[in-house]
Amino acid sequence: MKQVDSTLQQKRARRVLLLIAGIPVAVMLAATVLWGVVEAGYVDVVDRFGTANHGDLITPPRSVSEAVFRHEGVAEVLWRDLPVKWRLLVVQRGETCDIVCQQQLYQTRQIHLALGKDFNRVDRVLLGDTAPDGVLLVGDERSQGDAAKPRALAAWLAQEHRGLTPLTLPPSMLEALVPEASVSPAQWYVVDPAGWIMMRMSDDLHYKDVISDLRFLLKHTGA
């Protein structure tokens, strides 16, 4: 009798071991099947489960790695010459920086500061088609009135936006990288550490939603 009980216990133990060993295999098979279904287009994971972002994803993202920028209108700079960080990218066109341009610079500065411990993982860039020395502020309080002399953007950036990197590109290249901004200037961009423009943020977004997006990106990347 004892021998029969021992045999039954051994059989049960083998079944348990087989079940335990089979769990990883089953998970892998299920994942493979799910991936095949998604790849075939039968299930839209993004549409079904939603995304964490409030900004609009750029699909496909655009690389800035091959572009040759000018820094302060003089030195040639490649994106890879900059420290490896996430970047908030404000676009400025022509020879004026209007209220929208100034507000985006202020907004991105405050969002950058609000990142707290992640502040040093992020930088800001002003990307234009004219060197800041050749751009004037328009619409700000100190430029109002007939007697007021418009201020140069370069001097204002040095005073109010220390740490921001101004870069310039020819108009055609600027248009190719950020075409949405020419249609609707009230938006700015997020560039990942590898140099991909991957998200755009509307000026209408609440700053807490923008910070939520940025913290999500920073949490899930090592850069």
Protein backbone atom coordinates (compact mmCIF):
# COMPACT_ATOMS: atom_id res chain seq x y z
CA MET A 1 0.00 0.00 0.00
CA LYS A 2 2.78 2.36 0.90
CA GLN A 3 4.47 1.60 -2.42
CA VAL A 4 1.27 2.50 -4.33
CA ASP A 5 0.96 5.79 -2.42
CA SER A 6 4.60 6.61 -3.17
CA THR A 7 4.08 5.92 -6.87
CA LEU A 8 1.02 8.21 -6.97
CA GLN A 9 2.92 10.99 -5.20
CA GLN A 10 5.76 10.70 -7.69
CA LYS A 11 3.31 10.97 -10.60
CA ARG A 12 1.68 14.07 -9.06
CA ALA A 13 5.12 15.64 -8.50
CA ARG A 14 6.04 15.04 -12.16
CA ARG A 15 2.79 16.68 -13.32
CA VAL A 16 3.45 19.74 -11.13
CA LEU A 17 6.99 20.02 -12.48
CA LEU A 18 5.73 19.71 -16.06
CA LEU A 19 3.13 22.40 -15.43
CA ILE A 20 5.73 24.75 -13.92
CA ALA A 21 8.15 24.11 -16.77
CA GLY A 22 5.38 24.66 -19.31
CA ILE A 23 4.38 28.14 -18.07
CA PRO A 24 7.30 30.02 -19.69
CA VAL A 25 6.79 28.09 -22.94
CA ALA A 26 3.08 28.96 -22.94
CA VAL A 27 3.84 32.63 -22.30
CA MET A 28 6.35 32.73 -25.16
CA LEU A 29 3.91 31.03 -27.52
CA ALA A 30 1.13 33.46 -26.53
CA ALA A 31 3.43 36.46 -27.05
CA THR A 32 4.47 35.11 -30.45
CA VAL A 33 0.87 34.64 -31.51
CA LEU A 34 -0.10 38.13 -30.24
CA TRP A 35 2.82 39.74 -32.09
CA GLY A 36 1.80 37.92 -35.28
CA VAL A 37 -1.77 39.17 -34.93
CA VAL A 38 -0.63 42.76 -34.29
CA GLU A 39 1.87 42.68 -37.15
CA ALA A 40 -0.81 41.36 -39.50
CA GLY A 41 -3.01 44.30 -38.55
CA TYR A 42 -5.85 42.34 -36.90
CA VAL A 43 -5.39 44.16 -33.59
CA ASP A 44 -4.47 47.84 -33.11
CA VAL A 45 -2.77 47.88 -29.71
CA VAL A 46 -2.44 51.69 -29.58
CA ASP A 47 -6.08 52.21 -30.47
CA ARG A 48 -7.30 49.51 -28.05
CA PHE A 49 -5.23 50.40 -25.00
CA GLY A 50 -4.42 54.06 -25.64
CA THR A 51 -1.13 55.89 -25.06
CA ALA A 52 0.35 57.83 -22.18
CA ASN A 53 1.16 60.95 -24.19
CA HIS A 54 -0.76 64.22 -24.43
CA GLY A 55 1.48 65.61 -27.18
CA ASP A 56 1.27 64.39 -30.77
CA LEU A 57 3.74 61.73 -31.83
CA ILE A 58 5.69 62.42 -35.03
CA THR A 59 5.29 59.35 -37.24
CA PRO A 60 7.74 58.58 -38.55
CA PRO A 61 10.14 60.61 -36.40
CA ARG A 62 12.58 62.91 -38.21
CA SER A 63 16.31 62.75 -37.65
CA VAL A 64 18.36 65.91 -37.10
CA SER A 65 21.62 63.93 -36.98
CA GLU A 66 22.69 64.70 -40.56
CA ALA A 67 21.87 68.41 -40.51
CA VAL A 68 24.72 70.93 -40.26
CA PHE A 69 23.60 73.75 -37.98
CA ARG A 70 25.14 77.12 -37.30
CA HIS A 71 25.57 78.22 -33.72
CA GLU A 72 25.14 81.96 -33.17
CA GLY A 73 25.32 82.33 -36.94
CA VAL A 74 29.00 81.41 -37.16
CA ALA A 75 30.30 78.00 -36.05
CA GLU A 76 29.10 74.84 -37.77
CA VAL A 77 27.59 72.33 -35.33
CA LEU A 78 26.29 68.78 -35.67
CA TRP A 79 23.64 67.47 -33.31
CA ARG A 80 26.05 64.82 -32.05
CA ASP A 81 28.40 67.61 -30.95
CA LEU A 82 25.85 68.56 -28.30
CA PRO A 83 25.64 66.72 -24.95
CA VAL A 84 23.41 63.64 -25.13
CA LYS A 85 20.12 64.85 -23.66
CA TRP A 86 16.43 65.21 -24.36
CA ARG A 87 15.68 68.61 -25.89
CA LEU A 88 12.74 70.99 -26.02
CA LEU A 89 12.86 72.57 -29.47
CA VAL A 90 11.27 75.97 -30.19
CA VAL A 91 11.05 77.09 -33.82
CA GLN A 92 11.57 80.71 -34.88
CA ARG A 93 11.31 81.94 -38.47
CA GLY A 94 12.36 85.19 -40.11
CA GLU A 95 13.80 88.30 -38.56
CA THR A 96 11.33 88.74 -35.70
CA CYS A 97 10.45 86.82 -32.53
CA ASP A 98 6.83 87.68 -31.82
CA ILE A 99 4.60 87.08 -28.81
CA VAL A 100 4.07 83.40 -29.75
CA CYS A 101 7.84 82.87 -30.03
CA GLN A 102 8.50 84.62 -26.71
CA GLN A 103 5.70 82.74 -24.94
CA GLN A 104 7.07 79.38 -26.12
CA LEU A 105 10.51 80.28 -24.84
CA TYR A 106 9.02 81.25 -21.49
CA GLN A 107 6.81 78.15 -21.37
CA THR A 108 9.63 75.72 -22.15
CA ARG A 109 11.88 77.44 -19.61
CA GLN A 110 9.30 77.01 -16.84
CA ILE A 111 8.59 73.39 -17.83
CA HIS A 112 12.34 72.69 -17.82
CA LEU A 113 12.66 74.13 -14.32
CA ALA A 114 9.64 72.14 -13.14
CA LEU A 115 11.36 68.85 -14.00
CA GLY A 116 13.31 69.14 -10.76
CA LYS A 117 15.76 66.26 -10.35
CA ASP A 118 15.55 65.55 -14.10
CA PHE A 119 16.50 69.13 -15.02
CA ASN A 120 20.03 68.18 -16.11
CA ARG A 121 18.75 65.44 -18.42
CA VAL A 122 17.01 68.02 -20.61
CA ASP A 123 18.14 71.09 -22.56
CA ARG A 124 16.42 73.66 -24.75
CA VAL A 125 17.12 74.66 -28.33
CA LEU A 126 15.86 77.62 -30.36
CA LEU A 127 15.97 76.59 -34.02
CA GLY A 128 15.60 79.35 -36.60
CA ASP A 129 16.58 80.38 -40.11
CA THR A 130 18.20 83.65 -39.00
CA ALA A 131 21.00 84.13 -36.47
CA PRO A 132 19.71 85.65 -33.19
CA ASP A 133 21.82 88.79 -33.74
CA GLY A 134 19.68 89.49 -36.80
CA VAL A 135 16.33 88.88 -35.08
CA LEU A 136 14.30 91.51 -33.21
CA LEU A 137 11.73 91.06 -30.47
CA VAL A 138 8.31 92.39 -31.43
CA GLY A 139 5.23 92.77 -29.28
CA ASP A 140 6.91 92.68 -25.87
CA GLU A 141 6.19 95.44 -23.36
CA ARG A 142 9.59 97.11 -23.65
CA SER A 143 9.24 97.30 -27.44
CA GLN A 144 5.91 99.15 -27.31
CA GLY A 145 5.65 102.83 -28.19
CA ASP A 146 7.22 104.99 -30.88
CA ALA A 147 10.24 105.84 -28.74
CA ALA A 148 11.02 102.25 -27.81
CA LYS A 149 13.92 100.66 -29.64
CA PRO A 150 13.32 96.99 -30.54
CA ARG A 151 15.61 94.63 -28.68
CA ALA A 152 17.84 92.08 -30.37
CA LEU A 153 16.87 88.48 -29.70
CA ALA A 154 20.46 87.48 -28.92
CA ALA A 155 20.76 89.97 -26.05
CA TRP A 156 17.36 88.99 -24.68
CA LEU A 157 18.23 85.27 -24.76
CA ALA A 158 21.48 85.93 -22.92
CA GLN A 159 19.56 87.78 -20.22
CA GLU A 160 16.36 85.76 -19.87
CA HIS A 161 17.18 82.29 -21.23
CA ARG A 162 20.65 81.33 -20.12
CA GLY A 163 21.58 77.79 -21.08
CA LEU A 164 19.41 77.74 -24.18
CA THR A 165 21.26 76.77 -27.39
CA PRO A 166 20.36 78.86 -30.48
CA LEU A 167 20.90 77.04 -33.79
CA THR A 168 20.11 78.05 -37.35
CA LEU A 169 19.41 76.23 -40.62
CA PRO A 170 18.60 77.39 -44.15
CA PRO A 171 14.84 77.97 -44.58
CA SER A 172 14.34 74.92 -46.83
CA MET A 173 15.99 72.57 -44.31
CA LEU A 174 14.04 74.10 -41.44
CA GLU A 175 10.80 73.53 -43.36
CA ALA A 176 11.72 69.88 -44.02
CA LEU A 177 12.41 69.18 -40.34
CA VAL A 178 9.46 71.01 -38.77
CA PRO A 179 6.80 71.55 -41.47
CA GLU A 180 3.93 71.73 -38.96
CA ALA A 181 5.34 74.90 -37.39
CA SER A 182 5.01 76.86 -40.64
CA VAL A 183 1.29 76.02 -40.81
CA SER A 184 0.65 76.55 -37.10
CA PRO A 185 3.46 78.29 -35.17
CA ALA A 186 1.72 77.64 -31.84
CA GLN A 187 3.60 74.40 -31.16
CA TRP A 188 7.06 73.22 -30.25
CA TYR A 189 8.88 69.88 -30.36
CA VAL A 190 10.60 67.20 -28.28
CA VAL A 191 13.84 65.65 -29.59
CA ASP A 192 15.13 62.42 -28.10
CA PRO A 193 18.79 61.84 -27.08
CA ALA A 194 19.50 60.05 -30.39
CA GLY A 195 18.49 63.14 -32.38
CA TRP A 196 14.96 62.19 -33.47
CA ILE A 197 12.17 64.76 -33.49
CA MET A 198 9.52 62.47 -32.01
CA MET A 199 6.75 64.60 -30.48
CA ARG A 200 5.15 68.01 -30.87
CA MET A 201 3.46 69.98 -28.13
CA SER A 202 0.65 72.42 -28.78
CA ASP A 203 0.73 75.70 -26.89
CA ASP A 204 -2.83 74.88 -25.76
CA LEU A 205 -1.68 71.89 -23.70
CA HIS A 206 -1.75 72.37 -19.94
CA TYR A 207 1.77 72.53 -18.57
CA LYS A 208 1.05 69.65 -16.17
CA ASP A 209 0.19 67.41 -19.14
CA VAL A 210 3.44 68.38 -20.87
CA ILE A 211 5.45 67.64 -17.72
CA SER A 212 3.63 64.30 -17.40
CA ASP A 213 4.70 63.37 -20.95
CA LEU A 214 8.29 64.39 -20.36
CA ARG A 215 8.55 62.50 -17.07
CA PHE A 216 7.11 59.41 -18.75
CA LEU A 217 9.79 59.64 -21.47
CA LEU A 218 12.57 60.27 -18.97
CA LYS A 219 11.43 57.40 -16.75
CA HIS A 220 11.57 54.90 -19.59
CA THR A 221 14.94 55.93 -21.04
CA GLY A 222 18.42 55.81 -19.62
CA ALA A 223 19.69 59.00 -21.26
